[in-house]
């Protein structure tokens, strides 16, 4: 399972998910780094079969209207400290990854994992 992390999320998240055994790419590792456009991210996700992890609601709109990306983790925690955000991922990511085996749209907020049908 491969994940592409959008620019609004900390690079340390990529390291944490890599340590959990996932293949992870952060936009800061791309040629345009945090200036990588949403369209470039979508294209890369389709071409290389990445699940996008983002806070950007534009990806949610694209998913709903065009089913692009094929799989999406939308983070709706609002503005929280990176330490809190990273702890949410540490505590929940194995479960989230398992949910992607049968689901395409998952939301992570401050207290819950929501599977959207």
Protein backbone atom coordinates (compact mmCIF):
# COMPACT_ATOMS: atom_id res chain seq x y z
CA UNK A 1 0.00 0.00 0.00
CA UNK A 2 1.44 3.36 -1.07
CA UNK A 3 0.65 6.80 0.34
CA UNK A 4 1.28 10.29 -0.99
CA UNK A 5 1.23 13.00 1.70
CA UNK A 6 0.19 16.50 0.72
CA UNK A 7 2.17 19.62 1.67
CA UNK A 8 -0.01 20.81 4.60
CA UNK A 9 0.97 17.75 6.60
CA UNK A 10 4.38 17.52 8.28
CA UNK A 11 7.23 15.66 6.60
CA UNK A 12 7.74 13.73 9.84
CA UNK A 13 4.46 11.95 9.07
CA UNK A 14 6.14 10.30 6.08
CA UNK A 15 8.91 9.03 8.33
CA UNK A 16 6.44 7.64 10.87
CA UNK A 17 4.42 5.79 8.21
CA UNK A 18 7.59 4.47 6.58
CA UNK A 19 8.67 3.07 9.96
CA UNK A 20 5.31 1.27 10.11
CA UNK A 21 6.24 -0.48 6.87
CA UNK A 22 4.34 1.56 4.30
CA UNK A 23 5.69 3.03 1.08
CA UNK A 24 5.32 6.78 1.50
CA UNK A 25 6.08 9.85 -0.58
CA UNK A 26 5.71 13.41 0.72
CA UNK A 27 5.26 16.32 -1.68
CA UNK A 28 8.52 17.77 -0.29
CA UNK A 29 10.26 14.85 -2.04
CA UNK A 30 8.83 15.85 -5.43
CA UNK A 31 10.67 18.22 -7.81
CA UNK A 32 8.33 21.16 -7.05
CA UNK A 33 8.16 20.31 -3.33
CA UNK A 34 5.34 22.18 -1.55
CA UNK A 35 4.57 24.03 -4.81
CA UNK A 36 3.40 20.78 -6.45
CA UNK A 37 -0.07 21.43 -7.85
CA UNK A 38 -3.12 19.44 -6.86
CA UNK A 39 -3.40 18.24 -10.47
CA UNK A 40 0.18 16.94 -10.40
CA UNK A 41 -0.57 15.11 -7.15
CA UNK A 42 -3.75 13.59 -8.61
CA UNK A 43 -1.91 12.47 -11.76
CA UNK A 44 0.90 10.90 -9.76
CA UNK A 45 -1.61 9.12 -7.52
CA UNK A 46 -3.33 7.62 -10.57
CA UNK A 47 -0.12 6.75 -12.40
CA UNK A 48 1.64 5.12 -9.42
CA UNK A 49 -1.40 3.96 -7.40
CA UNK A 50 -0.92 6.20 -4.36
CA UNK A 51 -3.55 6.86 -1.71
CA UNK A 52 -3.52 10.62 -1.04
CA UNK A 53 -3.39 11.89 2.54
CA UNK A 54 -4.43 15.54 2.75
CA UNK A 55 -6.24 18.29 4.63
CA UNK A 56 -7.19 19.97 1.33
CA UNK A 57 -10.95 19.76 0.67
CA UNK A 58 -10.31 20.21 -3.07
CA UNK A 59 -9.24 16.57 -3.14
CA UNK A 60 -12.52 15.58 -1.50
CA UNK A 61 -14.44 17.47 -4.20
CA UNK A 62 -12.40 15.81 -6.95
CA UNK A 63 -12.93 12.40 -5.38
CA UNK A 64 -16.70 12.86 -5.13
CA UNK A 65 -17.15 14.32 -8.63
CA UNK A 66 -14.52 12.43 -10.65
CA UNK A 67 -13.39 9.56 -8.38
CA UNK A 68 -9.87 11.02 -8.55
CA UNK A 69 -7.85 10.07 -6.61
CA UNK A 70 -9.00 6.47 -6.43
CA UNK A 71 -8.47 6.46 -2.65
CA UNK A 72 -8.30 9.35 -0.24
CA UNK A 73 -7.61 9.95 3.44
CA UNK A 74 -8.98 13.37 4.33
CA UNK A 75 -7.69 14.81 7.61
CA UNK A 76 -10.27 17.06 9.29
CA UNK A 77 -8.60 17.79 12.59
CA UNK A 78 -8.51 21.53 12.04
CA UNK A 79 -5.44 23.34 13.30
CA UNK A 80 -3.84 21.19 15.94
CA UNK A 81 -0.24 20.90 17.04
CA UNK A 82 1.92 18.62 14.92
CA UNK A 83 2.66 16.50 17.99
CA UNK A 84 -1.08 15.82 18.46
CA UNK A 85 -1.57 15.14 14.75
CA UNK A 86 1.34 12.72 14.61
CA UNK A 87 0.06 10.91 17.70
CA UNK A 88 -3.33 10.47 16.00
CA UNK A 89 -1.56 8.82 13.08
CA UNK A 90 0.62 6.67 15.33
CA UNK A 91 -2.44 5.41 17.19
CA UNK A 92 -4.75 4.91 14.23
CA UNK A 93 -2.82 4.33 11.04
CA UNK A 94 -2.63 0.54 11.02
CA UNK A 95 -6.44 0.48 11.37
CA UNK A 96 -6.80 3.12 8.64
CA UNK A 97 -4.62 1.11 6.27
CA UNK A 98 -6.71 -2.00 6.90
CA UNK A 99 -9.87 -0.02 6.16
CA UNK A 100 -8.44 0.94 2.76
CA UNK A 101 -8.52 -2.73 1.77
CA UNK A 102 -12.28 -2.39 1.32
CA UNK A 103 -12.94 1.37 1.28
CA UNK A 104 -11.93 4.33 -0.87
CA UNK A 105 -12.71 7.40 1.26
CA UNK A 106 -11.70 7.66 4.89
CA UNK A 107 -11.73 10.67 7.18
CA UNK A 108 -9.57 11.15 10.26
CA UNK A 109 -10.67 13.75 12.75
CA UNK A 110 -9.62 14.49 16.34
CA UNK A 111 -11.65 11.66 17.87
CA UNK A 112 -12.74 9.28 15.14
CA UNK A 113 -12.04 7.43 11.92
CA UNK A 114 -15.00 7.78 9.57
CA UNK A 115 -15.49 5.50 6.57
CA UNK A 116 -17.52 7.21 3.85
CA UNK A 117 -19.56 4.92 1.61
